Amino acid sequence: MKVSSLIAMVFSDGEVQNRLFYSPGVASFENQRIGALSLGMLKYFEFLLLANMHHPFLMLDEPFSMIDPLFHDVIKEVIKY
């Protein structure tokens, strides 16, 4: 399954889909298969999926481990939001 297909399957709301598709870095791998992603990109993508789901709270254990330092600021902003 491709990243773009999974986003569309998990989120029916177009606004949330756009937020994910336009997140920094996602455009570079949105047409790749999930199994072809590097471990760091997979963890970043998983974080984005989880962070955009409706939940009363989100508990993260080492959210920056194995993720490219370029995306650390993105993760911090999502956590603040």
C-alpha atoms as a PDB file:
ATOM      1  CA  MET A   1       0.000   0.000   0.000  1.00  0.00           C
ATOM      2  CA  LYS A   2       1.240   3.475  -0.828  1.00  0.00           C
ATOM      3  CA  VAL A   3       1.535   6.236   1.748  1.00  0.00           C
ATOM      4  CA  SER A   4      -1.038   8.380  -0.066  1.00  0.00           C
ATOM      5  CA  SER A   5      -3.553   5.504  -0.103  1.00  0.00           C
ATOM      6  CA  LEU A   6      -3.137   4.905   3.626  1.00  0.00           C
ATOM      7  CA  ILE A   7      -3.696   8.582   4.423  1.00  0.00           C
ATOM      8  CA  ALA A   8      -6.904   8.568   2.364  1.00  0.00           C
ATOM      9  CA  MET A   9      -8.057   5.312   3.988  1.00  0.00           C
ATOM     10  CA  VAL A  10      -7.429   6.400   7.600  1.00  0.00           C
ATOM     11  CA  PHE A  11      -8.690   9.986   7.340  1.00  0.00           C
ATOM     12  CA  SER A  12     -11.920  10.808   5.528  1.00  0.00           C
ATOM     13  CA  ASP A  13     -11.717  14.505   6.432  1.00  0.00           C
ATOM     14  CA  GLY A  14     -10.093  16.403   3.564  1.00  0.00           C
ATOM     15  CA  GLU A  15      -8.629  19.013   5.908  1.00  0.00           C
ATOM     16  CA  VAL A  16      -6.700  16.382   7.874  1.00  0.00           C
ATOM     17  CA  GLN A  17      -5.578  14.714   4.645  1.00  0.00           C
ATOM     18  CA  ASN A  18      -4.239  18.028   3.372  1.00  0.00           C
ATOM     19  CA  ARG A  19      -2.459  18.667   6.660  1.00  0.00           C
ATOM     20  CA  LEU A  20      -0.678  15.324   6.292  1.00  0.00           C
ATOM     21  CA  PHE A  21       0.069  15.647   2.575  1.00  0.00           C
ATOM     22  CA  TYR A  22       1.502  19.147   3.077  1.00  0.00           C
ATOM     23  CA  SER A  23       3.533  18.247   6.176  1.00  0.00           C
ATOM     24  CA  PRO A  24       7.238  18.837   5.572  1.00  0.00           C
ATOM     25  CA  GLY A  25       8.885  15.881   3.889  1.00  0.00           C
ATOM     26  CA  VAL A  26       5.750  13.883   3.103  1.00  0.00           C
ATOM     27  CA  ALA A  27       5.719  14.920  -0.562  1.00  0.00           C
ATOM     28  CA  SER A  28       9.070  13.190  -1.034  1.00  0.00           C
ATOM     29  CA  PHE A  29       7.637   9.767  -0.099  1.00  0.00           C
ATOM     30  CA  GLU A  30       3.857   9.973  -0.589  1.00  0.00           C
ATOM     31  CA  ASN A  31       3.954   7.736  -3.692  1.00  0.00           C
ATOM     32  CA  GLN A  32       6.213   5.096  -2.133  1.00  0.00           C
ATOM     33  CA  ARG A  33       5.017   1.862  -0.651  1.00  0.00           C
ATOM     34  CA  ILE A  34       5.023   1.835   3.131  1.00  0.00           C
ATOM     35  CA  GLY A  35       7.322  -1.190   3.209  1.00  0.00           C
ATOM     36  CA  ALA A  36       9.897   0.693   1.097  1.00  0.00           C
ATOM     37  CA  LEU A  37      10.272   3.590   3.553  1.00  0.00           C
ATOM     38  CA  SER A  38      13.396   3.885   5.640  1.00  0.00           C
ATOM     39  CA  LEU A  39      12.951   3.275   9.349  1.00  0.00           C
ATOM     40  CA  GLY A  40      13.306   6.990  10.125  1.00  0.00           C
ATOM     41  CA  MET A  41      10.749   8.032   7.513  1.00  0.00           C
ATOM     42  CA  LEU A  42       8.380   5.307   8.707  1.00  0.00           C
ATOM     43  CA  LYS A  43       8.628   6.551  12.312  1.00  0.00           C
ATOM     44  CA  TYR A  44       8.037  10.147  11.147  1.00  0.00           C
ATOM     45  CA  PHE A  45       5.006   9.060   9.113  1.00  0.00           C
ATOM     46  CA  GLU A  46       3.633   7.009  12.027  1.00  0.00           C
ATOM     47  CA  PHE A  47       3.994  10.018  14.300  1.00  0.00           C
ATOM     48  CA  LEU A  48       2.084  12.217  11.846  1.00  0.00           C
ATOM     49  CA  LEU A  49      -0.711   9.646  11.570  1.00  0.00           C
ATOM     50  CA  LEU A  50      -1.050   9.241  15.331  1.00  0.00           C
ATOM     51  CA  ALA A  51      -0.804  12.951  16.062  1.00  0.00           C
ATOM     52  CA  ASN A  52      -3.662  13.740  13.670  1.00  0.00           C
ATOM     53  CA  MET A  53      -6.082  11.168  15.073  1.00  0.00           C
ATOM     54  CA  HIS A  54      -8.740  12.236  17.551  1.00  0.00           C
ATOM     55  CA  HIS A  55      -7.688  11.273  21.062  1.00  0.00           C
ATOM     56  CA  PRO A  56      -7.878  12.822  24.529  1.00  0.00           C
ATOM     57  CA  PHE A  57      -4.095  12.647  24.962  1.00  0.00           C
ATOM     58  CA  LEU A  58      -1.027  11.255  23.230  1.00  0.00           C
ATOM     59  CA  MET A  59       1.782   9.656  25.192  1.00  0.00           C
ATOM     60  CA  LEU A  60       5.080   9.495  23.324  1.00  0.00           C
ATOM     61  CA  ASP A  61       8.196   7.565  24.242  1.00  0.00           C
ATOM     62  CA  GLU A  62      11.302   9.056  22.629  1.00  0.00           C
ATOM     63  CA  PRO A  63       9.482  10.772  19.743  1.00  0.00           C
ATOM     64  CA  PHE A  64      12.752  11.962  18.171  1.00  0.00           C
ATOM     65  CA  SER A  65      14.692   8.685  18.139  1.00  0.00           C
ATOM     66  CA  MET A  66      15.808   7.610  14.668  1.00  0.00           C
ATOM     67  CA  ILE A  67      14.048  10.572  13.011  1.00  0.00           C
ATOM     68  CA  ASP A  68      15.980  12.982  10.813  1.00  0.00           C
ATOM     69  CA  PRO A  69      16.897  16.109  12.830  1.00  0.00           C
ATOM     70  CA  LEU A  70      15.283  18.231  10.101  1.00  0.00           C
ATOM     71  CA  PHE A  71      11.894  16.997  11.284  1.00  0.00           C
ATOM     72  CA  HIS A  72      12.430  17.586  15.017  1.00  0.00           C
ATOM     73  CA  ASP A  73      11.009  21.105  14.796  1.00  0.00           C
ATOM     74  CA  VAL A  74       7.980  19.790  12.897  1.00  0.00           C
ATOM     75  CA  ILE A  75       7.334  17.236  15.621  1.00  0.00           C
ATOM     76  CA  LYS A  76       7.689  19.897  18.327  1.00  0.00           C
ATOM     77  CA  GLU A  77       5.138  22.113  16.568  1.00  0.00           C
ATOM     78  CA  VAL A  78       2.674  19.245  16.161  1.00  0.00           C
ATOM     79  CA  ILE A  79       3.030  18.360  19.837  1.00  0.00           C
ATOM     80  CA  LYS A  80       2.345  21.988  20.828  1.00  0.00           C
ATOM     81  CA  TYR A  81      -0.732  22.141  18.585  1.00  0.00           C
END
